[in-house]
Amino acid sequence: EQLTIALLETLTKTAVITYDQLKTGILRLFEDMEDIQLDVPNVCEQLQSLLKQLESKKIVNQDISSKVPQKNRKRSTNGDENNK
């Protein structure tokens, strides 16, 4: 976790990646959380911890960390879609 934080801090401070690129990457991660949870059941807790530390180091803002998916989020399916 500390290595990830150090990497992201270096990449953003040296302008290798922009804040918008970092935000886009993290939001893509959020979109794939349900699939990631299959392999890493505690990914929500790990991500929340990581984002809290990134926020405290002012690498990310509240606009990203406030969008983290909650644990055990279920995909909503329409019964009609399953019968097609």
PDB file of N, CA and C in Angstrom:
ATOM      1  N   GLU A   1       0.832  -1.194   0.000  1.00  0.00           N
ATOM      2  CA  GLU A   1       0.000   0.000   0.000  1.00  0.00           C
ATOM      3  C   GLU A   1       0.874   1.255   0.000  1.00  0.00           C
ATOM      4  N   GLN A   2       1.915   1.235   0.822  1.00  0.00           N
ATOM      5  CA  GLN A   2       2.793   2.409   0.898  1.00  0.00           C
ATOM      6  C   GLN A   2       3.547   2.628  -0.417  1.00  0.00           C
ATOM      7  N   LEU A   3       3.907   1.548  -1.077  1.00  0.00           N
ATOM      8  CA  LEU A   3       4.579   1.684  -2.374  1.00  0.00           C
ATOM      9  C   LEU A   3       3.634   2.267  -3.424  1.00  0.00           C
ATOM     10  N   THR A   4       2.384   1.859  -3.389  1.00  0.00           N
ATOM     11  CA  THR A   4       1.384   2.397  -4.317  1.00  0.00           C
ATOM     12  C   THR A   4       1.208   3.887  -4.087  1.00  0.00           C
ATOM     13  N   ILE A   5       1.114   4.279  -2.838  1.00  0.00           N
ATOM     14  CA  ILE A   5       0.966   5.697  -2.496  1.00  0.00           C
ATOM     15  C   ILE A   5       2.178   6.486  -2.969  1.00  0.00           C
ATOM     16  N   ALA A   6       3.366   5.963  -2.716  1.00  0.00           N
ATOM     17  CA  ALA A   6       4.590   6.652  -3.134  1.00  0.00           C
ATOM     18  C   ALA A   6       4.645   6.781  -4.660  1.00  0.00           C
ATOM     19  N   LEU A   7       4.248   5.723  -5.354  1.00  0.00           N
ATOM     20  CA  LEU A   7       4.242   5.767  -6.819  1.00  0.00           C
ATOM     21  C   LEU A   7       3.278   6.826  -7.338  1.00  0.00           C
ATOM     22  N   LEU A   8       2.040   6.800  -6.841  1.00  0.00           N
ATOM     23  CA  LEU A   8       1.044   7.776  -7.302  1.00  0.00           C
ATOM     24  C   LEU A   8       1.446   9.200  -6.937  1.00  0.00           C
ATOM     25  N   GLU A   9       2.046   9.369  -5.789  1.00  0.00           N
ATOM     26  CA  GLU A   9       2.509  10.694  -5.373  1.00  0.00           C
ATOM     27  C   GLU A   9       3.596  11.196  -6.325  1.00  0.00           C
ATOM     28  N   THR A  10       4.540  10.344  -6.653  1.00  0.00           N
ATOM     29  CA  THR A  10       5.620  10.724  -7.573  1.00  0.00           C
ATOM     30  C   THR A  10       5.081  11.016  -8.969  1.00  0.00           C
ATOM     31  N   LEU A  11       4.195  10.149  -9.459  1.00  0.00           N
ATOM     32  CA  LEU A  11       3.653  10.341 -10.807  1.00  0.00           C
ATOM     33  C   LEU A  11       2.862  11.635 -10.940  1.00  0.00           C
ATOM     34  N   THR A  12       2.107  11.989  -9.903  1.00  0.00           N
ATOM     35  CA  THR A  12       1.314  13.215  -9.986  1.00  0.00           C
ATOM     36  C   THR A  12       2.162  14.465  -9.760  1.00  0.00           C
ATOM     37  N   LYS A  13       3.110  14.392  -8.849  1.00  0.00           N
ATOM     38  CA  LYS A  13       3.949  15.565  -8.567  1.00  0.00           C
ATOM     39  C   LYS A  13       4.909  15.887  -9.713  1.00  0.00           C
ATOM     40  N   THR A  14       5.313  14.870 -10.449  1.00  0.00           N
ATOM     41  CA  THR A  14       6.222  15.102 -11.576  1.00  0.00           C
ATOM     42  C   THR A  14       5.472  15.271 -12.887  1.00  0.00           C
ATOM     43  N   ALA A  15       4.149  15.307 -12.802  1.00  0.00           N
ATOM     44  CA  ALA A  15       3.273  15.528 -13.957  1.00  0.00           C
ATOM     45  C   ALA A  15       3.395  14.443 -15.023  1.00  0.00           C
ATOM     46  N   VAL A  16       3.784  13.239 -14.606  1.00  0.00           N
ATOM     47  CA  VAL A  16       3.766  12.113 -15.533  1.00  0.00           C
ATOM     48  C   VAL A  16       2.318  11.775 -15.853  1.00  0.00           C
ATOM     49  N   ILE A  17       1.461  11.858 -14.824  1.00  0.00           N
ATOM     50  CA  ILE A  17       0.022  11.747 -15.037  1.00  0.00           C
ATOM     51  C   ILE A  17      -0.644  12.959 -14.417  1.00  0.00           C
ATOM     52  N   THR A  18      -1.738  13.359 -15.013  1.00  0.00           N
ATOM     53  CA  THR A  18      -2.485  14.493 -14.485  1.00  0.00           C
ATOM     54  C   THR A  18      -3.498  14.000 -13.450  1.00  0.00           C
ATOM     55  N   TYR A  19      -4.035  14.946 -12.708  1.00  0.00           N
ATOM     56  CA  TYR A  19      -5.068  14.594 -11.726  1.00  0.00           C
ATOM     57  C   TYR A  19      -6.263  13.967 -12.431  1.00  0.00           C
ATOM     58  N   ASP A  20      -6.639  14.500 -13.582  1.00  0.00           N
ATOM     59  CA  ASP A  20      -7.781  13.954 -14.325  1.00  0.00           C
ATOM     60  C   ASP A  20      -7.526  12.513 -14.766  1.00  0.00           C
ATOM     61  N   GLN A  21      -6.296  12.204 -15.157  1.00  0.00           N
ATOM     62  CA  GLN A  21      -5.962  10.833 -15.543  1.00  0.00           C
ATOM     63  C   GLN A  21      -6.046   9.902 -14.335  1.00  0.00           C
ATOM     64  N   LEU A  22      -5.550  10.357 -13.201  1.00  0.00           N
ATOM     65  CA  LEU A  22      -5.621   9.572 -11.974  1.00  0.00           C
ATOM     66  C   LEU A  22      -7.082   9.339 -11.595  1.00  0.00           C
ATOM     67  N   LYS A  23      -7.880  10.384 -11.660  1.00  0.00           N
ATOM     68  CA  LYS A  23      -9.294  10.281 -11.330  1.00  0.00           C
ATOM     69  C   LYS A  23      -9.999   9.303 -12.262  1.00  0.00           C
ATOM     70  N   THR A  24      -9.737   9.390 -13.552  1.00  0.00           N
ATOM     71  CA  THR A  24     -10.346   8.486 -14.521  1.00  0.00           C
ATOM     72  C   THR A  24      -9.978   7.036 -14.215  1.00  0.00           C
ATOM     73  N   GLY A  25      -8.718   6.793 -13.896  1.00  0.00           N
ATOM     74  CA  GLY A  25      -8.273   5.444 -13.569  1.00  0.00           C
ATOM     75  C   GLY A  25      -8.943   4.896 -12.326  1.00  0.00           C
ATOM     76  N   ILE A  26      -9.063   5.716 -11.309  1.00  0.00           N
ATOM     77  CA  ILE A  26      -9.695   5.272 -10.063  1.00  0.00           C
ATOM     78  C   ILE A  26     -11.186   5.018 -10.285  1.00  0.00           C
ATOM     79  N   LEU A  27     -11.837   5.880 -11.051  1.00  0.00           N
ATOM     80  CA  LEU A  27     -13.264   5.679 -11.326  1.00  0.00           C
ATOM     81  C   LEU A  27     -13.487   4.413 -12.148  1.00  0.00           C
ATOM     82  N   ARG A  28     -12.568   4.081 -13.038  1.00  0.00           N
ATOM     83  CA  ARG A  28     -12.663   2.814 -13.783  1.00  0.00           C
ATOM     84  C   ARG A  28     -12.535   1.633 -12.835  1.00  0.00           C
ATOM     85  N   LEU A  29     -11.666   1.766 -11.859  1.00  0.00           N
ATOM     86  CA  LEU A  29     -11.515   0.730 -10.848  1.00  0.00           C
ATOM     87  C   LEU A  29     -12.832   0.537 -10.098  1.00  0.00           C
ATOM     88  N   PHE A  30     -13.489   1.633  -9.743  1.00  0.00           N
ATOM     89  CA  PHE A  30     -14.774   1.558  -9.059  1.00  0.00           C
ATOM     90  C   PHE A  30     -15.792   0.784  -9.896  1.00  0.00           C
ATOM     91  N   GLU A  31     -15.787   1.017 -11.206  1.00  0.00           N
ATOM     92  CA  GLU A  31     -16.736   0.344 -12.097  1.00  0.00           C
ATOM     93  C   GLU A  31     -16.539  -1.170 -12.109  1.00  0.00           C
ATOM     94  N   ASP A  32     -15.328  -1.628 -11.874  1.00  0.00           N
ATOM     95  CA  ASP A  32     -15.013  -3.056 -11.911  1.00  0.00           C
ATOM     96  C   ASP A  32     -14.987  -3.707 -10.532  1.00  0.00           C
ATOM     97  N   MET A  33     -15.441  -3.002  -9.514  1.00  0.00           N
ATOM     98  CA  MET A  33     -15.332  -3.491  -8.143  1.00  0.00           C
ATOM     99  C   MET A  33     -16.028  -4.832  -7.924  1.00  0.00           C
ATOM    100  N   GLU A  34     -17.195  -5.019  -8.497  1.00  0.00           N
ATOM    101  CA  GLU A  34     -17.913  -6.269  -8.287  1.00  0.00           C
ATOM    102  C   GLU A  34     -17.100  -7.458  -8.791  1.00  0.00           C
ATOM    103  N   ASP A  35     -16.482  -7.310  -9.942  1.00  0.00           N
ATOM    104  CA  ASP A  35     -15.661  -8.388 -10.475  1.00  0.00           C
ATOM    105  C   ASP A  35     -14.392  -8.580  -9.644  1.00  0.00           C
ATOM    106  N   ILE A  36     -13.799  -7.502  -9.203  1.00  0.00           N
ATOM    107  CA  ILE A  36     -12.579  -7.580  -8.397  1.00  0.00           C
ATOM    108  C   ILE A  36     -12.878  -8.275  -7.071  1.00  0.00           C
ATOM    109  N   GLN A  37     -14.066  -8.024  -6.506  1.00  0.00           N
ATOM    110  CA  GLN A  37     -14.434  -8.626  -5.224  1.00  0.00           C
ATOM    111  C   GLN A  37     -14.472 -10.147  -5.288  1.00  0.00           C
ATOM    112  N   LEU A  38     -14.668 -10.699  -6.455  1.00  0.00           N
ATOM    113  CA  LEU A  38     -14.675 -12.157  -6.585  1.00  0.00           C
ATOM    114  C   LEU A  38     -13.309 -12.735  -6.229  1.00  0.00           C
ATOM    115  N   ASP A  39     -12.257 -12.029  -6.582  1.00  0.00           N
ATOM    116  CA  ASP A  39     -10.896 -12.490  -6.306  1.00  0.00           C
ATOM    117  C   ASP A  39     -10.312 -11.896  -5.032  1.00  0.00           C
ATOM    118  N   VAL A  40     -10.742 -10.677  -4.693  1.00  0.00           N
ATOM    119  CA  VAL A  40     -10.214  -9.975  -3.512  1.00  0.00           C
ATOM    120  C   VAL A  40     -11.416  -9.509  -2.684  1.00  0.00           C
ATOM    121  N   PRO A  41     -11.919 -10.391  -1.810  1.00  0.00           N
ATOM    122  CA  PRO A  41     -13.151 -10.059  -1.072  1.00  0.00           C
ATOM    123  C   PRO A  41     -13.079  -8.779  -0.250  1.00  0.00           C
ATOM    124  N   ASN A  42     -11.924  -8.407   0.244  1.00  0.00           N
ATOM    125  CA  ASN A  42     -11.825  -7.199   1.072  1.00  0.00           C
ATOM    126  C   ASN A  42     -11.326  -5.987   0.283  1.00  0.00           C
ATOM    127  N   VAL A  43     -11.548  -5.979  -1.005  1.00  0.00           N
ATOM    128  CA  VAL A  43     -11.058  -4.882  -1.846  1.00  0.00           C
ATOM    129  C   VAL A  43     -11.660  -3.538  -1.431  1.00  0.00           C
ATOM    130  N   CYS A  44     -12.892  -3.525  -0.983  1.00  0.00           N
ATOM    131  CA  CYS A  44     -13.518  -2.250  -0.565  1.00  0.00           C
ATOM    132  C   CYS A  44     -12.766  -1.634   0.600  1.00  0.00           C
ATOM    133  N   GLU A  45     -12.448  -2.456   1.588  1.00  0.00           N
ATOM    134  CA  GLU A  45     -11.724  -1.949   2.747  1.00  0.00           C
ATOM    135  C   GLU A  45     -10.322  -1.484   2.358  1.00  0.00           C
ATOM    136  N   GLN A  46      -9.663  -2.256   1.501  1.00  0.00           N
ATOM    137  CA  GLN A  46      -8.320  -1.881   1.056  1.00  0.00           C
ATOM    138  C   GLN A  46      -8.347  -0.572   0.280  1.00  0.00           C
ATOM    139  N   LEU A  47      -9.330  -0.440  -0.595  1.00  0.00           N
ATOM    140  CA  LEU A  47      -9.431   0.776  -1.399  1.00  0.00           C
ATOM    141  C   LEU A  47      -9.771   1.985  -0.542  1.00  0.00           C
ATOM    142  N   GLN A  48     -10.650   1.810   0.425  1.00  0.00           N
ATOM    143  CA  GLN A  48     -10.990   2.924   1.313  1.00  0.00           C
ATOM    144  C   GLN A  48      -9.770   3.369   2.109  1.00  0.00           C
ATOM    145  N   SER A  49      -8.981   2.421   2.573  1.00  0.00           N
ATOM    146  CA  SER A  49      -7.761   2.749   3.301  1.00  0.00           C
ATOM    147  C   SER A  49      -6.778   3.498   2.407  1.00  0.00           C
ATOM    148  N   LEU A  50      -6.603   3.005   1.202  1.00  0.00           N
ATOM    149  CA  LEU A  50      -5.700   3.643   0.245  1.00  0.00           C
ATOM    150  C   LEU A  50      -6.158   5.065  -0.072  1.00  0.00           C
ATOM    151  N   LEU A  51      -7.445   5.229  -0.350  1.00  0.00           N
ATOM    152  CA  LEU A  51      -7.958   6.554  -0.695  1.00  0.00           C
ATOM    153  C   LEU A  51      -7.853   7.524   0.478  1.00  0.00           C
ATOM    154  N   LYS A  52      -8.058   7.024   1.690  1.00  0.00           N
ATOM    155  CA  LYS A  52      -7.934   7.881   2.877  1.00  0.00           C
ATOM    156  C   LYS A  52      -6.508   8.424   2.989  1.00  0.00           C
ATOM    157  N   GLN A  53      -5.537   7.559   2.737  1.00  0.00           N
ATOM    158  CA  GLN A  53      -4.144   7.990   2.804  1.00  0.00           C
ATOM    159  C   GLN A  53      -3.795   8.926   1.648  1.00  0.00           C
ATOM    160  N   LEU A  54      -4.301   8.625   0.456  1.00  0.00           N
ATOM    161  CA  LEU A  54      -4.059   9.511  -0.692  1.00  0.00           C
ATOM    162  C   LEU A  54      -4.676  10.884  -0.455  1.00  0.00           C
ATOM    163  N   GLU A  55      -5.846  10.886   0.165  1.00  0.00           N
ATOM    164  CA  GLU A  55      -6.511  12.154   0.466  1.00  0.00           C
ATOM    165  C   GLU A  55      -5.739  12.935   1.526  1.00  0.00           C
ATOM    166  N   SER A  56      -5.211  12.249   2.521  1.00  0.00           N
ATOM    167  CA  SER A  56      -4.461  12.946   3.568  1.00  0.00           C
ATOM    168  C   SER A  56      -3.161  13.543   3.039  1.00  0.00           C
ATOM    169  N   LYS A  57      -2.604  12.921   2.005  1.00  0.00           N
ATOM    170  CA  LYS A  57      -1.391  13.453   1.378  1.00  0.00           C
ATOM    171  C   LYS A  57      -1.718  14.439   0.251  1.00  0.00           C
ATOM    172  N   LYS A  58      -2.998  14.722   0.095  1.00  0.00           N
ATOM    173  CA  LYS A  58      -3.484  15.675  -0.916  1.00  0.00           C
ATOM    174  C   LYS A  58      -3.149  15.237  -2.341  1.00  0.00           C
ATOM    175  N   ILE A  59      -3.156  13.919  -2.547  1.00  0.00           N
ATOM    176  CA  ILE A  59      -2.954  13.367  -3.888  1.00  0.00           C
ATOM    177  C   ILE A  59      -4.302  13.263  -4.601  1.00  0.00           C
ATOM    178  N   VAL A  60      -5.346  12.928  -3.838  1.00  0.00           N
ATOM    179  CA  VAL A  60      -6.704  12.915  -4.382  1.00  0.00           C
ATOM    180  C   VAL A  60      -7.584  13.802  -3.517  1.00  0.00           C
ATOM    181  N   ASN A  61      -8.674  14.249  -4.100  1.00  0.00           N
ATOM    182  CA  ASN A  61      -9.632  15.094  -3.394  1.00  0.00           C
ATOM    183  C   ASN A  61     -10.850  14.277  -2.990  1.00  0.00           C
ATOM    184  N   GLN A  62     -11.708  14.893  -2.225  1.00  0.00           N
ATOM    185  CA  GLN A  62     -12.958  14.272  -1.777  1.00  0.00           C
ATOM    186  C   GLN A  62     -13.833  13.873  -2.960  1.00  0.00           C
ATOM    187  N   ASP A  63     -13.692  14.534  -4.103  1.00  0.00           N
ATOM    188  CA  ASP A  63     -14.534  14.209  -5.254  1.00  0.00           C
ATOM    189  C   ASP A  63     -14.323  12.777  -5.738  1.00  0.00           C
ATOM    190  N   ILE A  64     -13.170  12.200  -5.469  1.00  0.00           N
ATOM    191  CA  ILE A  64     -12.913  10.806  -5.837  1.00  0.00           C
ATOM    192  C   ILE A  64     -13.315   9.884  -4.693  1.00  0.00           C
ATOM    193  N   SER A  65     -12.833  10.144  -3.514  1.00  0.00           N
ATOM    194  CA  SER A  65     -13.072   9.234  -2.389  1.00  0.00           C
ATOM    195  C   SER A  65     -14.542   9.152  -2.002  1.00  0.00           C
ATOM    196  N   SER A  66     -15.324  10.148  -2.319  1.00  0.00           N
ATOM    197  CA  SER A  66     -16.753  10.097  -1.995  1.00  0.00           C
ATOM    198  C   SER A  66     -17.518   9.161  -2.922  1.00  0.00           C
ATOM    199  N   LYS A  67     -16.911   8.738  -4.014  1.00  0.00           N
ATOM    200  CA  LYS A  67     -17.590   7.879  -4.991  1.00  0.00           C
ATOM    201  C   LYS A  67     -17.234   6.406  -4.857  1.00  0.00           C
ATOM    202  N   VAL A  68     -16.464   6.041  -3.839  1.00  0.00           N
ATOM    203  CA  VAL A  68     -16.066   4.645  -3.680  1.00  0.00           C
ATOM    204  C   VAL A  68     -17.307   3.784  -3.448  1.00  0.00           C
ATOM    205  N   PRO A  69     -17.427   2.683  -4.201  1.00  0.00           N
ATOM    206  CA  PRO A  69     -18.588   1.796  -4.021  1.00  0.00           C
ATOM    207  C   PRO A  69     -18.591   1.170  -2.632  1.00  0.00           C
ATOM    208  N   GLN A  70     -19.778   0.892  -2.155  1.00  0.00           N
ATOM    209  CA  GLN A  70     -19.910   0.273  -0.847  1.00  0.00           C
ATOM    210  C   GLN A  70     -19.835  -1.236  -0.975  1.00  0.00           C
ATOM    211  N   LYS A  71     -19.414  -1.879   0.085  1.00  0.00           N
ATOM    212  CA  LYS A  71     -19.277  -3.335   0.114  1.00  0.00           C
ATOM    213  C   LYS A  71     -20.614  -4.009  -0.131  1.00  0.00           C
ATOM    214  N   ASN A  72     -20.548  -5.161  -0.799  1.00  0.00           N
ATOM    215  CA  ASN A  72     -21.713  -6.001  -1.071  1.00  0.00           C
ATOM    216  C   ASN A  72     -22.755  -5.332  -1.959  1.00  0.00           C
ATOM    217  N   ARG A  73     -22.314  -4.448  -2.811  1.00  0.00           N
ATOM    218  CA  ARG A  73     -23.232  -3.848  -3.765  1.00  0.00           C
ATOM    219  C   ARG A  73     -23.625  -4.922  -4.768  1.00  0.00           C
ATOM    220  N   LYS A  74     -24.895  -5.067  -5.005  1.00  0.00           N
ATOM    221  CA  LYS A  74     -25.394  -6.095  -5.919  1.00  0.00           C
ATOM    222  C   LYS A  74     -25.750  -5.467  -7.251  1.00  0.00           C
ATOM    223  N   ARG A  75     -25.553  -6.235  -8.300  1.00  0.00           N
ATOM    224  CA  ARG A  75     -25.995  -5.778  -9.616  1.00  0.00           C
ATOM    225  C   ARG A  75     -27.500  -5.902  -9.675  1.00  0.00           C
ATOM    226  N   SER A  76     -28.139  -4.881 -10.180  1.00  0.00           N
ATOM    227  CA  SER A  76     -29.584  -4.955 -10.313  1.00  0.00           C
ATOM    228  C   SER A  76     -29.905  -5.549 -11.670  1.00  0.00           C
ATOM    229  N   THR A  77     -30.746  -6.563 -11.652  1.00  0.00           N
ATOM    230  CA  THR A  77     -31.157  -7.194 -12.904  1.00  0.00           C
ATOM    231  C   THR A  77     -32.663  -7.190 -12.967  1.00  0.00           C
ATOM    232  N   ASN A  78     -33.134  -7.021 -14.132  1.00  0.00           N
ATOM    233  CA  ASN A  78     -34.570  -7.059 -14.372  1.00  0.00           C
ATOM    234  C   ASN A  78     -34.943  -8.489 -14.686  1.00  0.00           C
ATOM    235  N   GLY A  79     -35.969  -9.012 -14.056  1.00  0.00           N
ATOM    236  CA  GLY A  79     -36.386 -10.383 -14.267  1.00  0.00           C
ATOM    237  C   GLY A  79     -36.675 -10.694 -15.716  1.00  0.00           C
ATOM    238  N   ASP A  80     -37.208  -9.701 -16.461  1.00  0.00           N
ATOM    239  CA  ASP A  80     -37.507  -9.906 -17.870  1.00  0.00           C
ATOM    240  C   ASP A  80     -36.254 -10.139 -18.686  1.00  0.00           C
ATOM    241  N   GLU A  81     -35.146  -9.494 -18.294  1.00  0.00           N
ATOM    242  CA  GLU A  81     -33.903  -9.654 -19.026  1.00  0.00           C
ATOM    243  C   GLU A  81     -33.369 -11.080 -18.900  1.00  0.00           C
ATOM    244  N   ASN A  82     -33.618 -11.714 -17.744  1.00  0.00           N
ATOM    245  CA  ASN A  82     -33.140 -13.076 -17.517  1.00  0.00           C
ATOM    246  C   ASN A  82     -33.920 -14.100 -18.322  1.00  0.00           C
ATOM    247  N   ASN A  83     -35.127 -13.756 -18.725  1.00  0.00           N
ATOM    248  CA  ASN A  83     -35.968 -14.695 -19.459  1.00  0.00           C
ATOM    249  C   ASN A  83     -35.809 -14.586 -20.963  1.00  0.00           C
ATOM    250  N   LYS A  84     -34.946 -13.755 -21.456  1.00  0.00           N
ATOM    251  CA  LYS A  84     -34.785 -13.579 -22.897  1.00  0.00           C
ATOM    252  C   LYS A  84     -33.939 -14.670 -23.475  1.00  0.00           C
TER     253      LYS A  84
END
